C-alpha atoms as a PDB file:
ATOM      1  CA  MET A   1      18.330   7.007 -36.380  1.00  0.00           C
ATOM      2  CA  HIS A   2      18.437   5.860 -32.727  1.00  0.00           C
ATOM      3  CA  VAL A   3      19.716   7.986 -29.923  1.00  0.00           C
ATOM      4  CA  SER A   4      21.133   6.472 -26.547  1.00  0.00           C
ATOM      5  CA  HIS A   5      22.977   7.408 -23.460  1.00  0.00           C
ATOM      6  CA  ASN A   6      26.045   5.857 -21.802  1.00  0.00           C
ATOM      7  CA  SER A   7      28.070   6.286 -18.712  1.00  0.00           C
ATOM      8  CA  GLN A   8      31.440   5.182 -18.487  1.00  0.00           C
ATOM      9  CA  PHE A   9      34.218   5.824 -15.934  1.00  0.00           C
ATOM     10  CA  LEU A  10      33.655   9.727 -15.789  1.00  0.00           C
ATOM     11  CA  PHE A  11      32.272  10.196 -19.314  1.00  0.00           C
ATOM     12  CA  HIS A  12      28.432  10.679 -19.742  1.00  0.00           C
ATOM     13  CA  ALA A  13      27.525  11.109 -23.295  1.00  0.00           C
ATOM     14  CA  VAL A  14      24.295  11.133 -25.603  1.00  0.00           C
ATOM     15  CA  ARG A  15      25.127   9.231 -28.838  1.00  0.00           C
ATOM     16  CA  ILE A  16      23.291   9.137 -32.324  1.00  0.00           C
ATOM     17  CA  TRP A  17      23.231   6.199 -33.968  1.00  0.00           C
ATOM     18  CA  SER A  18      22.529   4.837 -37.414  1.00  0.00           C
ATOM     19  CA  VAL A  19      20.083   1.772 -37.458  1.00  0.00           C
ATOM     20  CA  GLU A  20      21.032   1.087 -41.036  1.00  0.00           C
ATOM     21  CA  SER A  21      24.855   1.169 -40.906  1.00  0.00           C
ATOM     22  CA  TYR A  22      25.418   0.648 -37.017  1.00  0.00           C
ATOM     23  CA  LYS A  23      27.644   3.504 -36.930  1.00  0.00           C
ATOM     24  CA  CYS A  24      27.809   6.384 -34.311  1.00  0.00           C
ATOM     25  CA  LEU A  25      27.110   9.726 -36.272  1.00  0.00           C
ATOM     26  CA  GLU A  26      27.311  12.147 -33.419  1.00  0.00           C
ATOM     27  CA  GLU A  27      28.317  12.237 -29.841  1.00  0.00           C
ATOM     28  CA  TYR A  28      27.460  15.000 -27.291  1.00  0.00           C
ATOM     29  CA  TYR A  29      29.035  15.187 -23.872  1.00  0.00           C
ATOM     30  CA  VAL A  30      27.278  15.787 -20.758  1.00  0.00           C
ATOM     31  CA  PRO A  31      28.503  19.170 -18.934  1.00  0.00           C
ATOM     32  CA  ASP A  32      30.328  19.068 -15.458  1.00  0.00           C
ATOM     33  CA  MET A  33      30.307  15.396 -15.558  1.00  0.00           C
ATOM     34  CA  VAL A  34      27.077  14.976 -13.965  1.00  0.00           C
ATOM     35  CA  GLN A  35      24.387  12.147 -14.598  1.00  0.00           C
ATOM     36  CA  LEU A  36      21.969  12.176 -17.664  1.00  0.00           C
ATOM     37  CA  ASP A  37      18.578  11.511 -16.254  1.00  0.00           C
ATOM     38  CA  ASP A  38      16.302  11.404 -19.116  1.00  0.00           C
ATOM     39  CA  PHE A  39      16.261  12.814 -22.754  1.00  0.00           C
ATOM     40  CA  ASP A  40      14.182  13.443 -25.442  1.00  0.00           C
ATOM     41  CA  PHE A  41      14.978  14.451 -29.201  1.00  0.00           C
ATOM     42  CA  ASP A  42      13.741  15.686 -32.302  1.00  0.00           C
ATOM     43  CA  GLU A  43      15.495  16.073 -35.924  1.00  0.00           C
ATOM     44  CA  SER A  44      17.160  19.216 -34.803  1.00  0.00           C
ATOM     45  CA  LYS A  45      18.165  18.654 -31.336  1.00  0.00           C
ATOM     46  CA  VAL A  46      18.551  16.427 -28.198  1.00  0.00           C
ATOM     47  CA  VAL A  47      17.127  17.653 -25.044  1.00  0.00           C
ATOM     48  CA  GLY A  48      18.302  16.264 -21.813  1.00  0.00           C
ATOM     49  CA  LEU A  49      17.604  16.277 -18.087  1.00  0.00           C
ATOM     50  CA  ILE A  50      20.701  16.586 -15.889  1.00  0.00           C
ATOM     51  CA  GLY A  51      19.678  17.188 -12.251  1.00  0.00           C
ATOM     52  CA  THR A  52      18.291  20.421 -11.696  1.00  0.00           C
ATOM     53  CA  ARG A  53      18.787  21.642 -15.157  1.00  0.00           C
ATOM     54  CA  ILE A  54      18.012  21.041 -18.801  1.00  0.00           C
ATOM     55  CA  CYS A  55      20.423  20.839 -21.543  1.00  0.00           C
ATOM     56  CA  ILE A  56      20.051  21.335 -25.325  1.00  0.00           C
ATOM     57  CA  TRP A  57      22.497  19.931 -27.872  1.00  0.00           C
ATOM     58  CA  ARG A  58      21.691  21.268 -31.157  1.00  0.00           C
ATOM     59  CA  ARG A  59      22.510  19.233 -34.310  1.00  0.00           C
ATOM     60  CA  HIS A  60      25.798  20.305 -35.736  1.00  0.00           C
ATOM     61  CA  GLY A  61      25.391  23.319 -33.269  1.00  0.00           C
ATOM     62  CA  LYS A  62      25.846  24.759 -29.687  1.00  0.00           C
ATOM     63  CA  ARG A  63      25.004  23.456 -26.343  1.00  0.00           C
ATOM     64  CA  SER A  64      23.060  25.298 -23.955  1.00  0.00           C
ATOM     65  CA  THR A  65      21.702  24.814 -20.444  1.00  0.00           C
ATOM     66  CA  PHE A  66      19.253  26.235 -18.371  1.00  0.00           C
ATOM     67  CA  PRO A  67      17.968  27.496 -15.587  1.00  0.00           C
ATOM     68  CA  SER A  68      21.193  28.997 -14.653  1.00  0.00           C
ATOM     69  CA  HIS A  69      20.321  29.547 -11.008  1.00  0.00           C
ATOM     70  CA  GLU A  70      20.737  26.237  -8.744  1.00  0.00           C
ATOM     71  CA  GLY A  71      17.492  25.459  -6.752  1.00  0.00           C
ATOM     72  CA  THR A  72      14.834  26.874  -9.241  1.00  0.00           C
ATOM     73  CA  LEU A  73      14.020  23.439 -10.438  1.00  0.00           C
ATOM     74  CA  PRO A  74      13.643  20.404  -7.953  1.00  0.00           C
ATOM     75  CA  LYS A  75      15.705  17.385  -8.523  1.00  0.00           C
ATOM     76  CA  GLY A  76      14.343  16.025 -11.942  1.00  0.00           C
ATOM     77  CA  ILE A  77      13.773  12.386 -12.613  1.00  0.00           C
ATOM     78  CA  CYS A  78      12.029  11.976 -15.907  1.00  0.00           C
ATOM     79  CA  MET A  79      11.254  14.196 -18.726  1.00  0.00           C
ATOM     80  CA  ARG A  80       9.390  14.668 -22.364  1.00  0.00           C
ATOM     81  CA  TYR A  81       9.795  17.187 -24.977  1.00  0.00           C
ATOM     82  CA  SER A  82       7.101  18.533 -27.447  1.00  0.00           C
ATOM     83  CA  ASP A  83       8.293  21.709 -29.097  1.00  0.00           C
ATOM     84  CA  PRO A  84       8.007  24.320 -27.885  1.00  0.00           C
ATOM     85  CA  GLU A  85       7.753  22.782 -24.140  1.00  0.00           C
ATOM     86  CA  ALA A  86       9.715  20.565 -22.033  1.00  0.00           C
ATOM     87  CA  PHE A  87       8.108  18.731 -19.334  1.00  0.00           C
ATOM     88  CA  VAL A  88      10.023  17.754 -16.130  1.00  0.00           C
ATOM     89  CA  GLY A  89       8.781  15.158 -13.733  1.00  0.00           C
ATOM     90  CA  CYS A  90      10.353  15.962 -10.342  1.00  0.00           C
ATOM     91  CA  GLU A  91      11.042  13.958  -6.937  1.00  0.00           C
ATOM     92  CA  ASP A  92       8.698  16.219  -5.023  1.00  0.00           C
ATOM     93  CA  GLY A  93       5.700  15.104  -7.158  1.00  0.00           C
ATOM     94  CA  THR A  94       5.417  18.164  -9.437  1.00  0.00           C
ATOM     95  CA  ALA A  95       5.852  18.554 -13.209  1.00  0.00           C
ATOM     96  CA  HIS A  96       7.488  21.550 -14.384  1.00  0.00           C
ATOM     97  CA  VAL A  97       6.646  23.169 -17.762  1.00  0.00           C
ATOM     98  CA  PHE A  98       9.512  25.036 -19.486  1.00  0.00           C
ATOM     99  CA  ASP A  99       9.156  27.111 -22.624  1.00  0.00           C
ATOM    100  CA  MET A 100      12.088  26.253 -24.761  1.00  0.00           C
ATOM    101  CA  TYR A 101      12.374  29.545 -26.166  1.00  0.00           C
ATOM    102  CA  SER A 102      12.108  31.875 -23.329  1.00  0.00           C
ATOM    103  CA  ARG A 103      13.939  29.163 -21.040  1.00  0.00           C
ATOM    104  CA  ARG A 104      11.487  30.037 -18.334  1.00  0.00           C
ATOM    105  CA  CYS A 105       9.225  27.882 -16.277  1.00  0.00           C
ATOM    106  CA  SER A 106       5.569  28.496 -17.497  1.00  0.00           C
ATOM    107  CA  ARG A 107       3.733  26.175 -15.264  1.00  0.00           C
ATOM    108  CA  ILE A 108       4.135  23.839 -12.066  1.00  0.00           C
ATOM    109  CA  ILE A 109       1.443  21.393 -11.681  1.00  0.00           C
ATOM    110  CA  ARG A 110       1.189  18.801  -8.639  1.00  0.00           C
ATOM    111  CA  MET A 111       0.619  15.410 -10.220  1.00  0.00           C
ATOM    112  CA  HIS A 112       1.212  12.960  -7.562  1.00  0.00           C
ATOM    113  CA  ALA A 113       2.033  13.004  -3.832  1.00  0.00           C
ATOM    114  CA  SER A 114       5.420  10.903  -4.357  1.00  0.00           C
ATOM    115  CA  SER A 115       8.023  11.212  -6.733  1.00  0.00           C
ATOM    116  CA  LEU A 116       7.308  11.333 -10.549  1.00  0.00           C
ATOM    117  CA  THR A 117       8.995   8.232 -12.403  1.00  0.00           C
ATOM    118  CA  CYS A 118       7.903   8.684 -15.957  1.00  0.00           C
ATOM    119  CA  VAL A 119       6.160  11.164 -18.350  1.00  0.00           C
ATOM    120  CA  ALA A 120       4.144  10.826 -21.541  1.00  0.00           C
ATOM    121  CA  LEU A 121       2.650  13.544 -23.768  1.00  0.00           C
ATOM    122  CA  SER A 122      -0.354  13.706 -26.172  1.00  0.00           C
ATOM    123  CA  GLU A 123      -0.910  15.824 -28.976  1.00  0.00           C
ATOM    124  CA  ASP A 124      -3.798  17.870 -27.465  1.00  0.00           C
ATOM    125  CA  GLN A 125      -1.697  19.024 -24.367  1.00  0.00           C
ATOM    126  CA  LEU A 126      -2.574  16.120 -22.277  1.00  0.00           C
ATOM    127  CA  ILE A 127       0.302  15.232 -19.538  1.00  0.00           C
ATOM    128  CA  LEU A 128       0.295  11.626 -18.115  1.00  0.00           C
ATOM    129  CA  SER A 129       2.848  10.850 -15.299  1.00  0.00           C
ATOM    130  CA  GLY A 130       3.579   7.783 -13.252  1.00  0.00           C
ATOM    131  CA  SER A 131       4.174   7.542  -9.607  1.00  0.00           C
ATOM    132  CA  SER A 132       6.698   5.786  -7.396  1.00  0.00           C
ATOM    133  CA  LEU A 133       3.899   4.815  -5.248  1.00  0.00           C
ATOM    134  CA  GLY A 134       1.558   3.352  -8.053  1.00  0.00           C
ATOM    135  CA  GLY A 135      -1.020   5.262 -10.307  1.00  0.00           C
ATOM    136  CA  VAL A 136      -1.062   7.294 -13.233  1.00  0.00           C
ATOM    137  CA  SER A 137      -2.095  10.969 -13.138  1.00  0.00           C
ATOM    138  CA  MET A 138      -3.105  13.224 -16.068  1.00  0.00           C
ATOM    139  CA  THR A 139      -3.702  16.770 -16.751  1.00  0.00           C
ATOM    140  CA  CYS A 140      -4.753  18.971 -19.591  1.00  0.00           C
ATOM    141  CA  LEU A 141      -2.464  22.172 -19.625  1.00  0.00           C
ATOM    142  CA  SER A 142      -5.398  24.273 -20.347  1.00  0.00           C
ATOM    143  CA  ASP A 143      -7.434  23.707 -16.984  1.00  0.00           C
ATOM    144  CA  GLN A 144      -4.500  21.835 -15.003  1.00  0.00           C
ATOM    145  CA  ARG A 145      -7.365  19.370 -13.595  1.00  0.00           C
ATOM    146  CA  VAL A 146      -5.806  16.370 -12.438  1.00  0.00           C
ATOM    147  CA  ALA A 147      -7.285  13.029 -12.814  1.00  0.00           C
ATOM    148  CA  THR A 148      -6.060   9.610 -11.836  1.00  0.00           C
ATOM    149  CA  LEU A 149      -5.910   6.153 -13.484  1.00  0.00           C
ATOM    150  CA  LYS A 150      -5.234   3.660 -10.603  1.00  0.00           C
ATOM    151  CA  PRO A 151      -4.114   0.011 -11.083  1.00  0.00           C
ATOM    152  CA  SER A 152      -5.147  -2.767  -9.270  1.00  0.00           C
ATOM    153  CA  GLY A 153      -1.897  -3.150  -6.894  1.00  0.00           C
ATOM    154  CA  SER A 154       0.255  -0.837  -5.303  1.00  0.00           C
ATOM    155  CA  ALA A 155       3.298  -1.445  -7.178  1.00  0.00           C
ATOM    156  CA  GLY A 156       5.283   1.828  -8.575  1.00  0.00           C
ATOM    157  CA  ILE A 157       4.955   2.667 -12.156  1.00  0.00           C
ATOM    158  CA  LYS A 158       8.174   2.444 -13.954  1.00  0.00           C
ATOM    159  CA  THR A 159       7.242   3.454 -17.564  1.00  0.00           C
ATOM    160  CA  LEU A 160       4.570   4.780 -19.729  1.00  0.00           C
ATOM    161  CA  CYS A 161       3.625   4.764 -23.417  1.00  0.00           C
ATOM    162  CA  LEU A 162       0.763   6.659 -24.884  1.00  0.00           C
ATOM    163  CA  ASN A 163      -0.810   5.354 -28.323  1.00  0.00           C
ATOM    164  CA  ARG A 164      -2.151   8.718 -30.008  1.00  0.00           C
ATOM    165  CA  SER A 165      -3.979   6.506 -32.639  1.00  0.00           C
ATOM    166  CA  SER A 166      -6.046   4.271 -30.333  1.00  0.00           C
ATOM    167  CA  HIS A 167      -6.144   6.565 -27.179  1.00  0.00           C
ATOM    168  CA  LEU A 168      -4.660   3.855 -25.100  1.00  0.00           C
ATOM    169  CA  VAL A 169      -2.102   4.320 -22.450  1.00  0.00           C
ATOM    170  CA  PHE A 170       0.197   1.458 -21.347  1.00  0.00           C
ATOM    171  CA  ALA A 171       2.175   1.339 -18.147  1.00  0.00           C
ATOM    172  CA  GLY A 172       4.710  -1.123 -16.722  1.00  0.00           C
ATOM    173  CA  SER A 173       5.159  -1.528 -13.241  1.00  0.00           C
ATOM    174  CA  THR A 174       8.048  -2.348 -10.711  1.00  0.00           C
ATOM    175  CA  ALA A 175       6.337  -5.668  -9.920  1.00  0.00           C
ATOM    176  CA  GLY A 176       6.330  -6.816 -13.671  1.00  0.00           C
ATOM    177  CA  HIS A 177       2.787  -5.933 -14.632  1.00  0.00           C
ATOM    178  CA  VAL A 178       1.905  -4.192 -17.642  1.00  0.00           C
ATOM    179  CA  TYR A 179      -1.523  -1.964 -17.481  1.00  0.00           C
ATOM    180  CA  CYS A 180      -3.679  -0.633 -20.207  1.00  0.00           C
ATOM    181  CA  TRP A 181      -6.259   2.126 -20.002  1.00  0.00           C
ATOM    182  CA  ASP A 182      -8.620   3.576 -22.615  1.00  0.00           C
ATOM    183  CA  LEU A 183      -8.521   7.371 -22.046  1.00  0.00           C
ATOM    184  CA  ARG A 184     -11.985   8.167 -23.694  1.00  0.00           C
ATOM    185  CA  LYS A 185     -13.801   5.720 -21.366  1.00  0.00           C
ATOM    186  CA  MET A 186     -11.239   6.618 -18.286  1.00  0.00           C
ATOM    187  CA  LYS A 187     -11.177   2.671 -17.805  1.00  0.00           C
ATOM    188  CA  MET A 188      -8.640  -0.216 -17.573  1.00  0.00           C
ATOM    189  CA  LEU A 189      -8.978  -2.649 -20.499  1.00  0.00           C
ATOM    190  CA  TRP A 190      -6.536  -5.104 -19.097  1.00  0.00           C
ATOM    191  CA  GLU A 191      -3.786  -6.097 -16.855  1.00  0.00           C
ATOM    192  CA  THR A 192      -0.884  -8.739 -17.483  1.00  0.00           C
ATOM    193  CA  LYS A 193       1.763 -10.179 -15.404  1.00  0.00           C
ATOM    194  CA  ALA A 194       4.249 -10.054 -18.241  1.00  0.00           C
ATOM    195  CA  SER A 195       7.413 -10.566 -15.792  1.00  0.00           C
ATOM    196  CA  THR A 196       8.381 -11.507 -12.024  1.00  0.00           C
ATOM    197  CA  ASN A 197      10.598  -8.202 -11.954  1.00  0.00           C
ATOM    198  CA  VAL A 198      10.751  -4.842 -13.234  1.00  0.00           C
ATOM    199  CA  ILE A 199       9.271  -3.584 -16.445  1.00  0.00           C
ATOM    200  CA  TYR A 200      11.700  -0.701 -17.504  1.00  0.00           C
ATOM    201  CA  THR A 201      10.460   0.080 -20.832  1.00  0.00           C
ATOM    202  CA  LEU A 202       7.479  -0.646 -23.333  1.00  0.00           C
ATOM    203  CA  GLN A 203       6.726   1.023 -26.728  1.00  0.00           C
ATOM    204  CA  ALA A 204       4.253   0.688 -29.575  1.00  0.00           C
ATOM    205  CA  MET A 205       5.058   2.143 -33.059  1.00  0.00           C
ATOM    206  CA  HIS A 206       3.411   5.399 -34.047  1.00  0.00           C
ATOM    207  CA  ASN A 207       0.023   4.610 -35.466  1.00  0.00           C
ATOM    208  CA  ASP A 208       0.132   1.055 -34.867  1.00  0.00           C
ATOM    209  CA  LYS A 209      -2.767  -0.588 -32.934  1.00  0.00           C
ATOM    210  CA  SER A 210      -1.723  -4.099 -32.876  1.00  0.00           C
ATOM    211  CA  THR A 211       1.665  -4.684 -30.889  1.00  0.00           C
ATOM    212  CA  LEU A 212       3.249  -3.552 -27.865  1.00  0.00           C
ATOM    213  CA  ALA A 213       6.961  -4.262 -27.007  1.00  0.00           C
ATOM    214  CA  VAL A 214       7.857  -4.790 -23.463  1.00  0.00           C
ATOM    215  CA  GLY A 215      11.455  -5.031 -21.807  1.00  0.00           C
ATOM    216  CA  GLY A 216      12.828  -4.894 -18.231  1.00  0.00           C
ATOM    217  CA  ILE A 217      15.135  -6.379 -15.736  1.00  0.00           C
ATOM    218  CA  ASP A 218      15.007 -10.033 -16.845  1.00  0.00           C
ATOM    219  CA  GLY A 219      16.151  -9.319 -20.469  1.00  0.00           C
ATOM    220  CA  VAL A 220      13.554 -10.964 -22.306  1.00  0.00           C
ATOM    221  CA  LEU A 221      11.869  -8.993 -25.095  1.00  0.00           C
ATOM    222  CA  ARG A 222       8.189  -9.584 -25.066  1.00  0.00           C
ATOM    223  CA  LEU A 223       5.524  -8.986 -27.644  1.00  0.00           C
ATOM    224  CA  LEU A 224       1.899  -7.989 -26.467  1.00  0.00           C
ATOM    225  CA  LYS A 225      -1.350  -7.620 -28.185  1.00  0.00           C
ATOM    226  CA  GLN A 226      -2.475  -4.195 -27.506  1.00  0.00           C
ATOM    227  CA  ASP A 227      -6.142  -5.015 -27.406  1.00  0.00           C
ATOM    228  CA  THR A 228      -6.029  -7.964 -25.015  1.00  0.00           C
ATOM    229  CA  GLY A 229      -2.583  -7.847 -23.365  1.00  0.00           C
ATOM    230  CA  GLU A 230      -1.916 -11.224 -24.695  1.00  0.00           C
ATOM    231  CA  ILE A 231       1.863 -12.044 -24.682  1.00  0.00           C
ATOM    232  CA  VAL A 232       2.264 -13.430 -28.292  1.00  0.00           C
ATOM    233  CA  SER A 233       6.149 -13.737 -28.411  1.00  0.00           C
ATOM    234  CA  ARG A 234       9.189 -13.819 -25.871  1.00  0.00           C
ATOM    235  CA  CYS A 235      12.661 -13.316 -27.336  1.00  0.00           C
ATOM    236  CA  VAL A 236      16.194 -13.856 -26.211  1.00  0.00           C
ATOM    237  CA  MET A 237      19.646 -14.261 -27.861  1.00  0.00           C
ATOM    238  CA  GLU A 238      20.550 -17.787 -29.095  1.00  0.00           C
ATOM    239  CA  THR A 239      24.088 -17.808 -28.797  1.00  0.00           C
ATOM    240  CA  GLU A 240      27.189 -15.444 -28.363  1.00  0.00           C
ATOM    241  CA  ALA A 241      28.866 -15.074 -31.899  1.00  0.00           C
ATOM    242  CA  PRO A 242      32.542 -13.785 -32.364  1.00  0.00           C
ATOM    243  CA  ALA A 243      32.602 -10.022 -32.734  1.00  0.00           C
ATOM    244  CA  ARG A 244      34.584  -7.792 -35.040  1.00  0.00           C
ATOM    245  CA  SER A 245      35.981  -4.539 -34.057  1.00  0.00           C
ATOM    246  CA  THR A 246      35.714  -1.437 -36.334  1.00  0.00           C
ATOM    247  CA  ARG A 247      36.963   1.933 -34.939  1.00  0.00           C
ATOM    248  CA  LYS A 248      36.584   0.718 -31.554  1.00  0.00           C
ATOM    249  CA  ILE A 249      33.052  -0.175 -31.822  1.00  0.00           C
ATOM    250  CA  ILE A 250      32.115  -3.817 -31.819  1.00  0.00           C
ATOM    251  CA  ASN A 251      29.611  -5.051 -34.142  1.00  0.00           C
ATOM    252  CA  ALA A 252      28.592  -8.818 -33.816  1.00  0.00           C
ATOM    253  CA  ARG A 253      25.853 -10.853 -35.916  1.00  0.00           C
ATOM    254  CA  ARG A 254      23.590 -12.967 -33.392  1.00  0.00           C
ATOM    255  CA  CYS A 255      20.522 -15.150 -33.681  1.00  0.00           C
ATOM    256  CA  GLY A 256      17.604 -14.626 -31.636  1.00  0.00           C
ATOM    257  CA  ARG A 257      15.053 -17.379 -30.485  1.00  0.00           C
ATOM    258  CA  ARG A 258      11.626 -17.291 -29.226  1.00  0.00           C
ATOM    259  CA  ILE A 259      11.159 -19.195 -25.907  1.00  0.00           C
ATOM    260  CA  SER A 260       7.783 -20.819 -24.851  1.00  0.00           C
ATOM    261  CA  GLU A 261       5.486 -19.576 -21.946  1.00  0.00           C
ATOM    262  CA  ASP A 262       6.710 -22.350 -19.440  1.00  0.00           C
ATOM    263  CA  THR A 263      10.455 -21.884 -20.210  1.00  0.00           C
ATOM    264  CA  GLN A 264      12.154 -21.175 -16.767  1.00  0.00           C
ATOM    265  CA  ILE A 265      13.751 -17.583 -17.220  1.00  0.00           C
ATOM    266  CA  ASP A 266      16.418 -18.247 -14.748  1.00  0.00           C
ATOM    267  CA  SER A 267      17.826 -21.108 -16.622  1.00  0.00           C
ATOM    268  CA  ILE A 268      18.867 -19.010 -19.601  1.00  0.00           C
ATOM    269  CA  PRO A 269      22.389 -17.412 -19.198  1.00  0.00           C
ATOM    270  CA  ARG A 270      22.481 -13.694 -18.158  1.00  0.00           C
ATOM    271  CA  THR A 271      24.858 -13.094 -20.979  1.00  0.00           C
ATOM    272  CA  LEU A 272      22.015 -13.950 -23.423  1.00  0.00           C
ATOM    273  CA  ARG A 273      19.598 -11.665 -21.685  1.00  0.00           C
ATOM    274  CA  PRO A 274      21.039  -8.419 -20.232  1.00  0.00           C
ATOM    275  CA  PRO A 275      18.578  -6.246 -18.420  1.00  0.00           C
ATOM    276  CA  ILE A 276      16.446  -4.185 -21.522  1.00  0.00           C
ATOM    277  CA  THR A 277      16.796  -0.609 -20.147  1.00  0.00           C
ATOM    278  CA  CYS A 278      15.104   1.222 -23.224  1.00  0.00           C
ATOM    279  CA  LEU A 279      13.580   0.312 -26.453  1.00  0.00           C
ATOM    280  CA  ALA A 280      12.218   1.707 -29.583  1.00  0.00           C
ATOM    281  CA  VAL A 281       9.727  -0.025 -32.267  1.00  0.00           C
ATOM    282  CA  GLY A 282       9.946   0.266 -36.169  1.00  0.00           C
ATOM    283  CA  MET A 283       8.104  -1.579 -38.858  1.00  0.00           C
ATOM    284  CA  LYS A 284      10.263  -4.611 -38.830  1.00  0.00           C
ATOM    285  CA  LYS A 285      13.077  -3.695 -36.391  1.00  0.00           C
ATOM    286  CA  ILE A 286      13.083  -3.221 -32.562  1.00  0.00           C
ATOM    287  CA  VAL A 287      15.923  -1.429 -31.143  1.00  0.00           C
ATOM    288  CA  THR A 288      17.117  -2.304 -27.389  1.00  0.00           C
ATOM    289  CA  THR A 289      19.610  -0.837 -25.147  1.00  0.00           C
ATOM    290  CA  HIS A 290      21.164  -2.718 -22.216  1.00  0.00           C
ATOM    291  CA  ASN A 291      23.044  -1.903 -18.996  1.00  0.00           C
ATOM    292  CA  CYS A 292      26.031  -3.825 -20.194  1.00  0.00           C
ATOM    293  CA  LYS A 293      26.381  -0.844 -22.668  1.00  0.00           C
ATOM    294  CA  ASN A 294      25.359  -2.686 -25.877  1.00  0.00           C
ATOM    295  CA  ILE A 295      22.519  -1.793 -28.369  1.00  0.00           C
ATOM    296  CA  ARG A 296      20.821  -4.647 -30.066  1.00  0.00           C
ATOM    297  CA  VAL A 297      18.826  -4.460 -33.368  1.00  0.00           C
ATOM    298  CA  TRP A 298      16.152  -6.935 -33.406  1.00  0.00           C
ATOM    299  CA  LYS A 299      14.791  -7.880 -37.076  1.00  0.00           C
ATOM    300  CA  PHE A 300      11.484  -9.578 -37.646  1.00  0.00           C
ATOM    301  CA  SER A 301      10.229 -11.027 -40.793  1.00  0.00           C
END
């Protein structure tokens, strides 16, 4: 199962797709035609951030939003959900923690002096957040002490990924860098210049300690070694294939190709490498979404 969100004309929706059949299984519309800023999900529901409110779409059930009073939550930018709590990163540098059952804000934590851009959660109530001015802050809910992991440069942090099995946290920056810290040692392990432009998303498969998938504005899917940061593979589409349409959903099979380190990225047509806005990693598949409203499923042998 893969969840995506899409904005088209006045429609803002969350869609649940089958990675096996490539069919849209369910579709939920955002209320009041506002923008969906971020979302997270589990097997029973999708939790979305829409401006100053949180929206819950229950699978095969009702939709609800909270808080009901405007102004009780600053403008949210990012969120993560871990039952029973939702964690919202706001433009004023705070993280708001909401209890999903009482629908009340239980904690407000000052994480950064600038806007929070991304949030990641550990299993032991550790919150990590990236800042628009650079740096990763983390705090434990039990004592709310905040510590900071600082990259070597000043570029903003765009995306975070926490590998719970190895206690490593990865971050992608607006300048194309990927960073790795060991949370047990509170130490940076490596830094890689993966791209010349923004890294939008990076993910590792749960319990996998070998591969990190990275995507960004240049549209190249990169695979890195988690322990060293070495880029082992760069992938783009090989050709545009004729498409077939089924119930207004266009499915097409395309071939991908690996490109070498010295390949000039700008020489590859943009139609073969639209920006990668989000990705998810499986055993032999990687799912990527793009700003051209496409979802791609990459299969690896």
